[in-house]
Amino acid sequence: MYNPPVQYFWHALRSDSILIEQHENYVKQSYRNRCHVLTAHGVVPLSIPVLRGNSQQKTLITDIEIDYSQKWYNVHWRTIQAAYGRAPYFEFYSDYVRAVYERQPKYLFDLNVELLQLYFKLLKANTPLLFTDSYQSEVSQNVLDLRNRIHPKIIPDNLHVKPYTQVFGKQFAPDLSIIDLLFTQGPAALSYLK
């Protein structure tokens, strides 16, 4: 997931480990290449353009290349700066996030894994990230499968995430990217996920 929603971390922090599916086919219109941030104009989706992701042929998630010809990075970073530049912890965390973007990983999967590892580090969460050896259409009973449960078109089940002060709006906007929580709450972010 690209800058995963807060609810992803709520579930992840209740797990012994996180198993990342690296053998699935790319799923369009999912959080795999999009996230939501809160701006002065409300919730804004940010979407990474990909190569071959819109074709009718199935493509492995690890083979989806990011389309850097569209300059999406500049739009995303300007939007993030406008949304969170005045947030209490933006200056503290933004250089780490920006460094991942500036490396310009070729593949969407690699960008997402790098960002995910960074967010766990910033949250000071020690949940290990593991990767699948092969595609599993069904998982065992003791595994919480979030592959298609956390999706932009599904109403989030994150009512259990405590509301926190956000930069914009008088009413709490749920299901935003983890960057919303990190930039606004800093080291206290973890307490909102417990």
N, C-alpha and C. Protein backbone atom coordinates (compact mmCIF):
# COMPACT_ATOMS: atom_id res chain seq x y z
N MET A 1 0.84 -1.18 0.00
CA MET A 1 0.00 0.00 0.00
C MET A 1 0.89 1.24 0.00
N TYR A 2 0.45 2.23 -0.76
CA TYR A 2 1.17 3.50 -0.85
C TYR A 2 0.73 4.39 0.30
N ASN A 3 1.66 4.81 1.15
CA ASN A 3 1.33 5.62 2.33
C ASN A 3 0.04 5.07 2.96
N PRO A 4 0.10 3.87 3.50
CA PRO A 4 -1.12 3.17 3.94
C PRO A 4 -1.99 3.98 4.90
N PRO A 5 -3.29 3.68 4.89
CA PRO A 5 -4.19 4.38 5.80
C PRO A 5 -3.91 3.98 7.25
N VAL A 6 -4.33 4.83 8.16
CA VAL A 6 -4.11 4.62 9.58
C VAL A 6 -4.66 3.26 10.02
N GLN A 7 -5.81 2.86 9.47
CA GLN A 7 -6.40 1.59 9.90
C GLN A 7 -5.48 0.40 9.62
N TYR A 8 -4.67 0.47 8.59
CA TYR A 8 -3.72 -0.60 8.30
C TYR A 8 -2.77 -0.79 9.48
N PHE A 9 -2.27 0.32 10.00
CA PHE A 9 -1.33 0.25 11.12
C PHE A 9 -2.02 -0.19 12.41
N TRP A 10 -3.29 0.18 12.56
CA TRP A 10 -4.04 -0.26 13.74
C TRP A 10 -4.07 -1.78 13.76
N HIS A 11 -4.36 -2.40 12.63
CA HIS A 11 -4.38 -3.86 12.53
C HIS A 11 -2.97 -4.45 12.66
N ALA A 12 -2.02 -3.84 11.98
CA ALA A 12 -0.65 -4.36 11.95
C ALA A 12 -0.03 -4.41 13.35
N LEU A 13 -0.30 -3.40 14.14
CA LEU A 13 0.30 -3.35 15.47
C LEU A 13 -0.30 -4.36 16.44
N ARG A 14 -1.34 -5.02 16.04
CA ARG A 14 -1.95 -6.07 16.85
C ARG A 14 -1.54 -7.46 16.37
N SER A 15 -0.58 -7.48 15.49
CA SER A 15 -0.13 -8.74 14.89
C SER A 15 1.29 -9.06 15.33
N ASP A 16 1.60 -10.35 15.32
CA ASP A 16 2.97 -10.78 15.64
C ASP A 16 3.93 -10.44 14.51
N SER A 17 3.42 -10.46 13.28
CA SER A 17 4.22 -10.11 12.11
C SER A 17 3.27 -9.71 10.99
N ILE A 18 3.84 -9.13 9.95
CA ILE A 18 3.06 -8.72 8.78
C ILE A 18 3.58 -9.50 7.59
N LEU A 19 2.68 -10.18 6.92
CA LEU A 19 3.05 -10.96 5.74
C LEU A 19 2.61 -10.17 4.51
N ILE A 20 3.57 -9.72 3.74
CA ILE A 20 3.28 -8.91 2.56
C ILE A 20 3.22 -9.82 1.35
N GLU A 21 2.10 -9.74 0.63
CA GLU A 21 1.88 -10.56 -0.56
C GLU A 21 2.68 -9.97 -1.72
N GLN A 22 3.68 -10.70 -2.18
CA GLN A 22 4.49 -10.22 -3.30
C GLN A 22 4.27 -11.02 -4.58
N HIS A 23 3.28 -11.92 -4.55
CA HIS A 23 3.01 -12.74 -5.74
C HIS A 23 1.60 -12.53 -6.28
N GLU A 24 0.93 -11.51 -5.80
CA GLU A 24 -0.41 -11.22 -6.31
C GLU A 24 -0.31 -10.42 -7.60
N ASN A 25 -1.40 -10.39 -8.34
CA ASN A 25 -1.48 -9.52 -9.50
C ASN A 25 -1.88 -8.13 -9.03
N TYR A 26 -1.41 -7.13 -9.76
CA TYR A 26 -1.72 -5.75 -9.43
C TYR A 26 -3.23 -5.53 -9.48
N VAL A 27 -3.75 -4.84 -8.48
CA VAL A 27 -5.19 -4.54 -8.40
C VAL A 27 -5.36 -3.04 -8.62
N LYS A 28 -6.09 -2.69 -9.67
CA LYS A 28 -6.34 -1.28 -9.99
C LYS A 28 -7.27 -0.65 -8.97
N GLN A 29 -7.20 0.67 -8.86
CA GLN A 29 -8.07 1.48 -8.01
C GLN A 29 -8.06 1.00 -6.56
N SER A 30 -6.87 0.66 -6.08
CA SER A 30 -6.71 0.22 -4.70
C SER A 30 -5.68 1.10 -4.02
N TYR A 31 -5.43 0.83 -2.76
CA TYR A 31 -4.41 1.58 -2.03
C TYR A 31 -3.00 1.20 -2.44
N ARG A 32 -2.85 0.30 -3.38
CA ARG A 32 -1.51 -0.09 -3.81
C ARG A 32 -0.78 1.07 -4.48
N ASN A 33 -1.53 1.99 -5.09
CA ASN A 33 -0.88 3.15 -5.70
C ASN A 33 -1.57 4.47 -5.35
N ARG A 34 -2.36 4.48 -4.27
CA ARG A 34 -3.01 5.74 -3.89
C ARG A 34 -3.15 5.86 -2.38
N CYS A 35 -3.30 7.10 -1.95
CA CYS A 35 -3.52 7.39 -0.54
C CYS A 35 -4.40 8.63 -0.44
N HIS A 36 -4.83 8.95 0.78
CA HIS A 36 -5.66 10.13 1.01
C HIS A 36 -5.00 11.02 2.06
N VAL A 37 -4.96 12.31 1.76
CA VAL A 37 -4.44 13.30 2.70
C VAL A 37 -5.49 14.38 2.90
N LEU A 38 -5.36 15.10 4.01
CA LEU A 38 -6.32 16.16 4.33
C LEU A 38 -5.70 17.51 4.05
N THR A 39 -6.32 18.29 3.15
CA THR A 39 -5.85 19.62 2.80
C THR A 39 -6.88 20.65 3.23
N ALA A 40 -6.59 21.89 2.96
CA ALA A 40 -7.54 22.97 3.26
C ALA A 40 -8.83 22.81 2.47
N HIS A 41 -8.78 22.04 1.39
CA HIS A 41 -9.95 21.81 0.53
C HIS A 41 -10.62 20.47 0.80
N GLY A 42 -10.25 19.82 1.88
CA GLY A 42 -10.83 18.54 2.24
C GLY A 42 -9.90 17.38 1.92
N VAL A 43 -10.45 16.19 1.93
CA VAL A 43 -9.67 14.99 1.67
C VAL A 43 -9.33 14.91 0.18
N VAL A 44 -8.05 14.72 -0.11
CA VAL A 44 -7.58 14.68 -1.49
C VAL A 44 -6.89 13.33 -1.74
N PRO A 45 -7.29 12.63 -2.80
CA PRO A 45 -6.57 11.39 -3.14
C PRO A 45 -5.31 11.71 -3.94
N LEU A 46 -4.24 11.00 -3.64
CA LEU A 46 -3.00 11.11 -4.41
C LEU A 46 -2.77 9.74 -5.04
N SER A 47 -2.56 9.73 -6.35
CA SER A 47 -2.43 8.47 -7.07
C SER A 47 -1.13 8.46 -7.88
N ILE A 48 -0.39 7.37 -7.79
CA ILE A 48 0.86 7.22 -8.54
C ILE A 48 0.53 6.60 -9.89
N PRO A 49 0.91 7.25 -10.98
CA PRO A 49 0.69 6.64 -12.30
C PRO A 49 1.68 5.48 -12.50
N VAL A 50 1.18 4.41 -13.07
CA VAL A 50 2.02 3.23 -13.28
C VAL A 50 2.00 2.83 -14.74
N LEU A 51 3.04 2.12 -15.12
CA LEU A 51 3.13 1.58 -16.48
C LEU A 51 2.56 0.17 -16.47
N ARG A 52 1.78 -0.18 -17.45
CA ARG A 52 1.16 -1.49 -17.62
C ARG A 52 0.09 -1.81 -16.59
N GLY A 53 -0.16 -0.93 -15.65
CA GLY A 53 -1.17 -1.20 -14.63
C GLY A 53 -2.58 -1.10 -15.16
N ASN A 54 -2.77 -0.45 -16.29
CA ASN A 54 -4.11 -0.29 -16.85
C ASN A 54 -4.39 -1.28 -17.98
N SER A 55 -3.44 -2.16 -18.25
CA SER A 55 -3.66 -3.11 -19.34
C SER A 55 -4.63 -4.20 -18.89
N GLN A 56 -5.15 -4.93 -19.83
CA GLN A 56 -6.07 -6.02 -19.53
C GLN A 56 -5.32 -7.26 -19.05
N GLN A 57 -4.02 -7.31 -19.35
CA GLN A 57 -3.21 -8.44 -18.91
C GLN A 57 -2.90 -8.32 -17.42
N LYS A 58 -2.90 -9.44 -16.75
CA LYS A 58 -2.56 -9.44 -15.33
C LYS A 58 -1.05 -9.28 -15.19
N THR A 59 -0.65 -8.42 -14.25
CA THR A 59 0.76 -8.16 -14.03
C THR A 59 1.06 -8.33 -12.55
N LEU A 60 2.13 -9.02 -12.24
CA LEU A 60 2.53 -9.18 -10.85
C LEU A 60 2.79 -7.82 -10.21
N ILE A 61 2.42 -7.69 -8.96
CA ILE A 61 2.61 -6.42 -8.25
C ILE A 61 4.08 -6.00 -8.26
N THR A 62 4.99 -6.96 -8.20
CA THR A 62 6.41 -6.63 -8.18
C THR A 62 6.94 -6.18 -9.54
N ASP A 63 6.14 -6.34 -10.60
CA ASP A 63 6.55 -5.94 -11.95
C ASP A 63 5.93 -4.61 -12.39
N ILE A 64 5.13 -4.00 -11.54
CA ILE A 64 4.49 -2.73 -11.90
C ILE A 64 5.49 -1.59 -11.74
N GLU A 65 5.80 -0.95 -12.85
CA GLU A 65 6.75 0.17 -12.84
C GLU A 65 6.03 1.49 -12.64
N ILE A 66 6.70 2.37 -11.93
CA ILE A 66 6.16 3.72 -11.71
C ILE A 66 6.45 4.56 -12.94
N ASP A 67 5.48 5.35 -13.36
CA ASP A 67 5.64 6.23 -14.53
C ASP A 67 6.12 7.60 -14.05
N TYR A 68 7.43 7.80 -14.09
CA TYR A 68 8.01 9.06 -13.64
C TYR A 68 7.92 10.16 -14.71
N SER A 69 7.49 9.82 -15.92
CA SER A 69 7.37 10.84 -16.97
C SER A 69 6.25 11.83 -16.66
N GLN A 70 5.33 11.47 -15.79
CA GLN A 70 4.19 12.34 -15.48
C GLN A 70 4.45 13.33 -14.35
N LYS A 71 5.63 13.30 -13.75
CA LYS A 71 6.01 14.26 -12.70
C LYS A 71 5.06 14.23 -11.51
N TRP A 72 4.49 13.07 -11.24
CA TRP A 72 3.56 12.93 -10.13
C TRP A 72 4.22 13.26 -8.79
N TYR A 73 5.51 12.95 -8.69
CA TYR A 73 6.21 13.19 -7.42
C TYR A 73 6.09 14.66 -7.00
N ASN A 74 6.28 15.59 -7.97
CA ASN A 74 6.19 17.02 -7.65
C ASN A 74 4.80 17.39 -7.13
N VAL A 75 3.77 16.86 -7.76
CA VAL A 75 2.39 17.14 -7.34
C VAL A 75 2.14 16.57 -5.95
N HIS A 76 2.57 15.33 -5.72
CA HIS A 76 2.35 14.71 -4.42
C HIS A 76 3.08 15.48 -3.32
N TRP A 77 4.35 15.81 -3.58
CA TRP A 77 5.12 16.46 -2.53
C TRP A 77 4.59 17.87 -2.24
N ARG A 78 4.19 18.61 -3.28
CA ARG A 78 3.61 19.95 -3.05
C ARG A 78 2.31 19.84 -2.26
N THR A 79 1.49 18.84 -2.58
CA THR A 79 0.24 18.64 -1.86
C THR A 79 0.51 18.28 -0.41
N ILE A 80 1.47 17.39 -0.17
CA ILE A 80 1.83 17.00 1.20
C ILE A 80 2.36 18.20 1.96
N GLN A 81 3.19 19.01 1.33
CA GLN A 81 3.72 20.21 1.98
C GLN A 81 2.60 21.20 2.33
N ALA A 82 1.69 21.42 1.38
CA ALA A 82 0.57 22.33 1.62
C ALA A 82 -0.33 21.82 2.74
N ALA A 83 -0.53 20.50 2.77
CA ALA A 83 -1.42 19.91 3.76
C ALA A 83 -0.78 19.87 5.15
N TYR A 84 0.51 19.59 5.22
CA TYR A 84 1.13 19.32 6.52
C TYR A 84 2.31 20.21 6.88
N GLY A 85 2.63 21.17 6.03
CA GLY A 85 3.78 22.05 6.29
C GLY A 85 3.71 22.75 7.63
N ARG A 86 2.51 22.99 8.13
CA ARG A 86 2.35 23.65 9.44
C ARG A 86 2.07 22.66 10.56
N ALA A 87 2.04 21.39 10.24
CA ALA A 87 1.81 20.37 11.26
C ALA A 87 3.02 20.34 12.21
N PRO A 88 2.78 20.06 13.48
CA PRO A 88 3.85 20.15 14.48
C PRO A 88 5.08 19.29 14.19
N TYR A 89 4.92 18.15 13.51
CA TYR A 89 6.06 17.25 13.31
C TYR A 89 6.47 17.10 11.86
N PHE A 90 5.97 17.98 11.00
CA PHE A 90 6.32 17.90 9.58
C PHE A 90 7.83 18.02 9.38
N GLU A 91 8.43 19.04 9.97
CA GLU A 91 9.86 19.24 9.78
C GLU A 91 10.68 18.10 10.36
N PHE A 92 10.18 17.47 11.39
CA PHE A 92 10.90 16.38 12.03
C PHE A 92 10.93 15.13 11.15
N TYR A 93 9.82 14.83 10.44
CA TYR A 93 9.71 13.59 9.66
C TYR A 93 9.83 13.76 8.15
N SER A 94 9.58 14.94 7.65
CA SER A 94 9.46 15.12 6.19
C SER A 94 10.73 14.75 5.42
N ASP A 95 11.90 15.02 5.96
CA ASP A 95 13.14 14.69 5.24
C ASP A 95 13.27 13.18 5.02
N TYR A 96 12.83 12.38 6.00
CA TYR A 96 12.89 10.93 5.86
C TYR A 96 11.97 10.46 4.74
N VAL A 97 10.76 11.00 4.72
CA VAL A 97 9.78 10.60 3.70
C VAL A 97 10.25 11.06 2.32
N ARG A 98 10.69 12.30 2.26
CA ARG A 98 11.13 12.85 0.98
C ARG A 98 12.32 12.07 0.41
N ALA A 99 13.22 11.60 1.27
CA ALA A 99 14.39 10.84 0.81
C ALA A 99 13.96 9.57 0.08
N VAL A 100 12.90 8.93 0.54
CA VAL A 100 12.40 7.73 -0.14
C VAL A 100 11.91 8.10 -1.54
N TYR A 101 11.14 9.18 -1.64
CA TYR A 101 10.64 9.63 -2.95
C TYR A 101 11.81 9.96 -3.89
N GLU A 102 12.81 10.64 -3.36
CA GLU A 102 13.91 11.10 -4.20
C GLU A 102 14.77 9.96 -4.73
N ARG A 103 14.74 8.82 -4.08
CA ARG A 103 15.46 7.65 -4.61
C ARG A 103 14.80 7.12 -5.89
N GLN A 104 13.56 7.49 -6.10
CA GLN A 104 12.79 7.10 -7.28
C GLN A 104 12.91 5.61 -7.61
N PRO A 105 12.42 4.77 -6.70
CA PRO A 105 12.44 3.33 -7.01
C PRO A 105 11.70 3.07 -8.32
N LYS A 106 12.21 2.14 -9.08
CA LYS A 106 11.61 1.82 -10.39
C LYS A 106 10.24 1.19 -10.23
N TYR A 107 10.10 0.34 -9.21
CA TYR A 107 8.86 -0.44 -9.06
C TYR A 107 8.01 0.08 -7.91
N LEU A 108 6.72 0.06 -8.11
CA LEU A 108 5.75 0.49 -7.10
C LEU A 108 5.90 -0.34 -5.83
N PHE A 109 6.08 -1.62 -5.97
CA PHE A 109 6.23 -2.50 -4.82
C PHE A 109 7.40 -2.07 -3.94
N ASP A 110 8.52 -1.74 -4.58
CA ASP A 110 9.71 -1.32 -3.84
C ASP A 110 9.48 -0.01 -3.10
N LEU A 111 8.82 0.94 -3.77
CA LEU A 111 8.50 2.21 -3.11
C LEU A 111 7.62 1.96 -1.89
N ASN A 112 6.59 1.15 -2.05
CA ASN A 112 5.67 0.88 -0.96
C ASN A 112 6.35 0.18 0.21
N VAL A 113 7.22 -0.76 -0.07
CA VAL A 113 7.92 -1.46 1.01
C VAL A 113 8.86 -0.51 1.74
N GLU A 114 9.58 0.32 0.99
CA GLU A 114 10.48 1.30 1.63
C GLU A 114 9.71 2.24 2.54
N LEU A 115 8.58 2.74 2.05
CA LEU A 115 7.78 3.65 2.87
C LEU A 115 7.21 2.93 4.09
N LEU A 116 6.74 1.71 3.91
CA LEU A 116 6.18 0.95 5.02
C LEU A 116 7.24 0.71 6.10
N GLN A 117 8.44 0.33 5.69
CA GLN A 117 9.52 0.12 6.65
C GLN A 117 9.84 1.42 7.39
N LEU A 118 9.85 2.53 6.67
CA LEU A 118 10.12 3.82 7.29
C LEU A 118 9.05 4.15 8.33
N TYR A 119 7.78 3.95 7.99
CA TYR A 119 6.71 4.31 8.93
C TYR A 119 6.75 3.45 10.19
N PHE A 120 7.08 2.18 10.06
CA PHE A 120 7.23 1.34 11.26
C PHE A 120 8.40 1.83 12.11
N LYS A 121 9.46 2.25 11.45
CA LYS A 121 10.61 2.78 12.19
C LYS A 121 10.25 4.08 12.91
N LEU A 122 9.55 4.99 12.22
CA LEU A 122 9.16 6.26 12.83
C LEU A 122 8.17 6.06 13.98
N LEU A 123 7.33 5.04 13.86
CA LEU A 123 6.38 4.73 14.93
C LEU A 123 7.05 3.98 16.08
N LYS A 124 8.31 3.58 15.85
CA LYS A 124 9.04 2.76 16.83
C LYS A 124 8.30 1.45 17.11
N ALA A 125 7.76 0.88 16.05
CA ALA A 125 7.04 -0.39 16.13
C ALA A 125 7.97 -1.49 15.62
N ASN A 126 8.04 -2.57 16.33
CA ASN A 126 8.98 -3.64 15.98
C ASN A 126 8.32 -4.82 15.30
N THR A 127 7.17 -4.61 14.70
CA THR A 127 6.47 -5.70 14.02
C THR A 127 7.27 -6.11 12.78
N PRO A 128 7.71 -7.38 12.72
CA PRO A 128 8.51 -7.80 11.56
C PRO A 128 7.69 -7.86 10.27
N LEU A 129 8.34 -7.46 9.18
CA LEU A 129 7.74 -7.56 7.85
C LEU A 129 8.29 -8.80 7.17
N LEU A 130 7.39 -9.68 6.75
CA LEU A 130 7.75 -10.90 6.05
C LEU A 130 7.12 -10.87 4.66
N PHE A 131 7.62 -11.67 3.75
CA PHE A 131 7.11 -11.69 2.38
C PHE A 131 6.71 -13.11 2.00
N THR A 132 5.65 -13.22 1.22
CA THR A 132 5.16 -14.53 0.79
C THR A 132 6.15 -15.20 -0.16
N ASP A 133 6.16 -16.52 -0.13
CA ASP A 133 7.00 -17.30 -1.04
C ASP A 133 6.25 -17.63 -2.33
N SER A 134 4.92 -17.66 -2.23
CA SER A 134 4.08 -17.94 -3.39
C SER A 134 2.70 -17.34 -3.10
N TYR A 135 1.89 -17.24 -4.15
CA TYR A 135 0.56 -16.66 -3.96
C TYR A 135 -0.35 -17.62 -3.22
N GLN A 136 -1.05 -17.11 -2.23
CA GLN A 136 -2.01 -17.88 -1.46
C GLN A 136 -3.39 -17.22 -1.64
N SER A 137 -4.28 -17.89 -2.32
CA SER A 137 -5.61 -17.31 -2.50
C SER A 137 -6.39 -17.30 -1.19
N GLU A 138 -6.10 -18.28 -0.34
CA GLU A 138 -6.72 -18.33 0.98
C GLU A 138 -5.62 -18.45 2.01
N VAL A 139 -5.85 -17.86 3.16
CA VAL A 139 -4.85 -17.91 4.22
C VAL A 139 -5.40 -18.70 5.40
N SER A 140 -4.53 -19.12 6.28
CA SER A 140 -4.97 -19.91 7.43
C SER A 140 -5.84 -19.07 8.36
N GLN A 141 -6.53 -19.75 9.24
CA GLN A 141 -7.49 -19.07 10.13
C GLN A 141 -6.83 -18.08 11.07
N ASN A 142 -5.59 -18.30 11.42
CA ASN A 142 -4.95 -17.39 12.38
C ASN A 142 -4.27 -16.19 11.71
N VAL A 143 -4.53 -15.98 10.42
CA VAL A 143 -3.96 -14.86 9.68
C VAL A 143 -5.09 -13.90 9.28
N LEU A 144 -4.92 -12.64 9.61
CA LEU A 144 -5.88 -11.61 9.20
C LEU A 144 -5.50 -11.15 7.80
N ASP A 145 -6.33 -11.43 6.83
CA ASP A 145 -6.05 -11.10 5.43
C ASP A 145 -6.63 -9.72 5.11
N LEU A 146 -5.75 -8.73 4.95
CA LEU A 146 -6.19 -7.36 4.67
C LEU A 146 -6.00 -6.98 3.21
N ARG A 147 -5.63 -7.93 2.35
CA ARG A 147 -5.32 -7.60 0.96
C ARG A 147 -6.45 -6.83 0.28
N ASN A 148 -7.67 -7.25 0.48
CA ASN A 148 -8.79 -6.56 -0.16
C ASN A 148 -9.78 -5.99 0.84
N ARG A 149 -9.45 -6.08 2.09
CA ARG A 149 -10.34 -5.56 3.15
C ARG A 149 -10.17 -4.06 3.35
N ILE A 150 -8.95 -3.58 3.19
CA ILE A 150 -8.69 -2.15 3.28
C ILE A 150 -8.59 -1.64 1.85
N HIS A 151 -9.60 -0.94 1.42
CA HIS A 151 -9.74 -0.54 0.02
C HIS A 151 -10.45 0.82 -0.02
N PRO A 152 -10.08 1.69 -0.97
CA PRO A 152 -10.71 3.02 -1.03
C PRO A 152 -12.23 2.99 -1.21
N LYS A 153 -12.76 1.90 -1.77
CA LYS A 153 -14.20 1.83 -2.02
C LYS A 153 -14.97 1.10 -0.93
N ILE A 154 -14.26 0.69 0.13
CA ILE A 154 -14.91 0.01 1.25
C ILE A 154 -14.90 0.93 2.45
N ILE A 155 -16.04 1.08 3.09
CA ILE A 155 -16.12 1.93 4.27
C ILE A 155 -15.19 1.37 5.33
N PRO A 156 -14.31 2.22 5.87
CA PRO A 156 -13.32 1.71 6.81
C PRO A 156 -13.93 1.23 8.12
N ASP A 157 -13.25 0.26 8.70
CA ASP A 157 -13.70 -0.24 10.00
C ASP A 157 -12.81 0.32 11.11
N ASN A 158 -12.35 1.55 10.91
CA ASN A 158 -11.40 2.10 11.87
C ASN A 158 -12.04 3.03 12.89
N LEU A 159 -13.26 2.76 13.24
CA LEU A 159 -13.89 3.57 14.27
C LEU A 159 -13.18 3.40 15.60
N HIS A 160 -12.35 2.37 15.71
CA HIS A 160 -11.60 2.13 16.92
C HIS A 160 -10.34 2.99 17.00
N VAL A 161 -9.94 3.67 15.92
CA VAL A 161 -8.80 4.58 15.96
C VAL A 161 -9.28 5.86 16.63
N LYS A 162 -8.58 6.23 17.70
CA LYS A 162 -8.98 7.42 18.45
C LYS A 162 -8.82 8.67 17.58
N PRO A 163 -9.83 9.54 17.55
CA PRO A 163 -9.67 10.80 16.82
C PRO A 163 -8.51 11.62 17.40
N TYR A 164 -7.83 12.31 16.56
CA TYR A 164 -6.71 13.15 16.97
C TYR A 164 -6.86 14.50 16.27
N THR A 165 -6.12 15.49 16.72
CA THR A 165 -6.18 16.81 16.12
C THR A 165 -5.52 16.79 14.76
N GLN A 166 -6.25 17.25 13.75
CA GLN A 166 -5.72 17.31 12.39
C GLN A 166 -5.49 18.77 12.01
N VAL A 167 -4.73 19.00 10.96
CA VAL A 167 -4.36 20.35 10.56
C VAL A 167 -5.58 21.13 10.07
N PHE A 168 -6.44 20.49 9.30
CA PHE A 168 -7.59 21.17 8.72
C PHE A 168 -8.89 20.52 9.16
N GLY A 169 -9.94 21.30 9.14
CA GLY A 169 -11.27 20.79 9.42
C GLY A 169 -11.61 20.76 10.89
N LYS A 170 -12.89 20.90 11.16
CA LYS A 170 -13.36 20.87 12.54
C LYS A 170 -13.83 19.48 12.92
N GLN A 171 -14.14 18.67 11.91
CA GLN A 171 -14.60 17.32 12.16
C GLN A 171 -13.49 16.34 11.75
N PHE A 172 -13.28 15.32 12.56
CA PHE A 172 -12.22 14.35 12.30
C PHE A 172 -12.46 13.62 10.98
N ALA A 173 -11.43 13.57 10.15
CA ALA A 173 -11.49 12.84 8.87
C ALA A 173 -10.79 11.50 9.05
N PRO A 174 -11.55 10.39 9.06
CA PRO A 174 -10.93 9.08 9.24
C PRO A 174 -10.33 8.55 7.94
N ASP A 175 -9.57 7.49 8.07
CA ASP A 175 -9.04 6.73 6.93
C ASP A 175 -8.06 7.51 6.06
N LEU A 176 -7.32 8.40 6.69
CA LEU A 176 -6.27 9.11 5.95
C LEU A 176 -4.98 8.32 6.01
N SER A 177 -4.01 8.75 5.23
CA SER A 177 -2.70 8.12 5.22
C SER A 177 -2.04 8.25 6.59
N ILE A 178 -1.15 7.33 6.88
CA ILE A 178 -0.39 7.37 8.13
C ILE A 178 0.40 8.67 8.25
N ILE A 179 0.74 9.32 7.15
CA ILE A 179 1.48 10.58 7.26
C ILE A 179 0.67 11.64 7.98
N ASP A 180 -0.65 11.59 7.89
CA ASP A 180 -1.49 12.53 8.61
C ASP A 180 -1.27 12.39 10.11
N LEU A 181 -1.29 11.16 10.59
CA LEU A 181 -1.10 10.90 12.02
C LEU A 181 0.33 11.23 12.45
N LEU A 182 1.31 10.82 11.67
CA LEU A 182 2.71 11.08 12.04
C LEU A 182 3.04 12.56 12.05
N PHE A 183 2.64 13.30 11.02
CA PHE A 183 2.97 14.71 10.95
C PHE A 183 2.25 15.54 12.02
N THR A 184 1.08 15.10 12.43
CA THR A 184 0.32 15.87 13.43
C THR A 184 0.61 15.45 14.86
N GLN A 185 0.93 14.18 15.08
CA GLN A 185 1.10 13.69 16.46
C GLN A 185 2.52 13.29 16.82
N GLY A 186 3.38 13.11 15.84
CA GLY A 186 4.77 12.78 16.12
C GLY A 186 4.93 11.52 16.96
N PRO A 187 5.77 11.56 17.99
CA PRO A 187 6.02 10.38 18.81
C PRO A 187 4.76 9.83 19.50
N ALA A 188 3.76 10.66 19.68
CA ALA A 188 2.50 10.21 20.31
C ALA A 188 1.64 9.41 19.35
N ALA A 189 1.99 9.33 18.07
CA ALA A 189 1.16 8.64 17.07
C ALA A 189 0.86 7.22 17.48
N LEU A 190 1.84 6.54 18.03
CA LEU A 190 1.64 5.14 18.41
C LEU A 190 0.51 4.97 19.43
N SER A 191 0.36 5.94 20.33
CA SER A 191 -0.70 5.83 21.35
C SER A 191 -2.09 5.91 20.73
N TYR A 192 -2.24 6.51 19.57
CA TYR A 192 -3.55 6.58 18.91
C TYR A 192 -3.88 5.29 18.19
N LEU A 193 -2.89 4.43 18.03
CA LEU A 193 -3.09 3.17 17.33
C LEU A 193 -3.27 1.99 18.28
N LYS A 194 -3.18 2.26 19.57
CA LYS A 194 -3.30 1.15 20.56
C LYS A 194 -4.69 1.05 21.12
